[in-house]
Structures are given as structure tokens and as C-alpha cells.
């Protein structure tokens, strides 16, 4: 979903709330001011990711605001942030709750939710860029899919090496419900490729378990 149309650094942001536009414009301004050493393609990639990210965040807040009061419980923030691919482990959740208790904050409105998301925004953006670069290297035929046997071999040789058993588990875990469970690697009926989204979800799941 491309929500940004820009010309000479002037943006039209099609958000539902004016506060979202203001927050995103401020972030994009900072991005443009600190782009030294980054290629135009990298800056444009980050810019689009940021615009789309806050569109998802705005929608997510609306879905959690069941009473339509404009506020949700502050304790829901780590859970909501995880839905937007921000990582909050148990110690970080405890630290966040302690911070909110000290500040006597029990509910958050949309501006506060979006502001809290800024804390880990670029971790998500940078991680997505890294995933996409690696996926594009593996996608040698440019079909927007990667052969599972190629990926299994690659992940068994580099970084935190993944065993064949773990590989099958993580592929199944991250594709089940989307197009059906992935059979074992020796099953001739199994799927042969994985999409970019499934690749990212699989490695994100593996990294944080």
C-alpha cells in the first residue's frame, strides 16, 4: 500500500488522522536531514516503509479501540507493538510497565501510541531492509520466491545454523494457515518455495525464540 506521493520533498499523506500526518512528516524530515552516506534508493525505501508502517499502526489502534473512546489500556502497548514487528521481550515489557506506573499512565491515545512506536521504529525498518536484501540475493531467478532446498542449504551454512528439522518446523509454523502445512522435506507433495513475507516471518520467529 503506497500512501506517499511526493514531489520536491512535499508530501501528501493519506491517513485518517491529522496527528498521524504530523508525526510522520516530522520523522520524514529527520530522515532527509540525516541521509548522509545513504543512497537515494535506500532513503526512498525507508521513506515508503515509514509511511506504510504508520498506516498499519493507525489501523491497529482503531481495531483495539473497541469502545471508540480514543483510548486503549497502556498495558496493551507491547502486544500491539509486537503486531507491528517490534520486539519486546519479558524484561523490556517489565521495564515498560514500570515506567508507565511511575508516570501514572494507564491509558494511551493515538498520538501517544504512535510516539511510543518511534522508540523502535528504525530497528524494524533496518531489519526489513536487511531481510529484503538477503532474499533478493537468494531469489536468483527473480520470481519473488526462494527454493526451499536452496534456503535450507544456505541457513545450514551461515550465521546461527538451522538444522533440517528446525527448518521444516519454522517453515511449517510460518506458512500454516496461509497455504496449508508444509510436509516433511522427504515428502514429494511438499511446497518447493517460500515467499518474501514467509521468509521474513520464519527468520524473525527463529531469531526471537
Foldseek 3Di string as FASTA:
>chain_A
DQQWDDDPLDTDGPAPDPLLVVVLSVVLVVLVVPCPPHDPVLNVLLNRVSSVLSNVVNVLLVVQPVVPPQKDFPLCLQVSLVVSVDDQDPVNSVVVVVVCVVVVHTMDGSNVSVVVSVVCVVVVSVLLVVLVVVVVVQPPVPPQKHFLVSVLVVQCPDDPRDDLVLSLVLLQVLCDVPPHGADRPPDPPGDGIDGSVSSSSSVSVVVPD
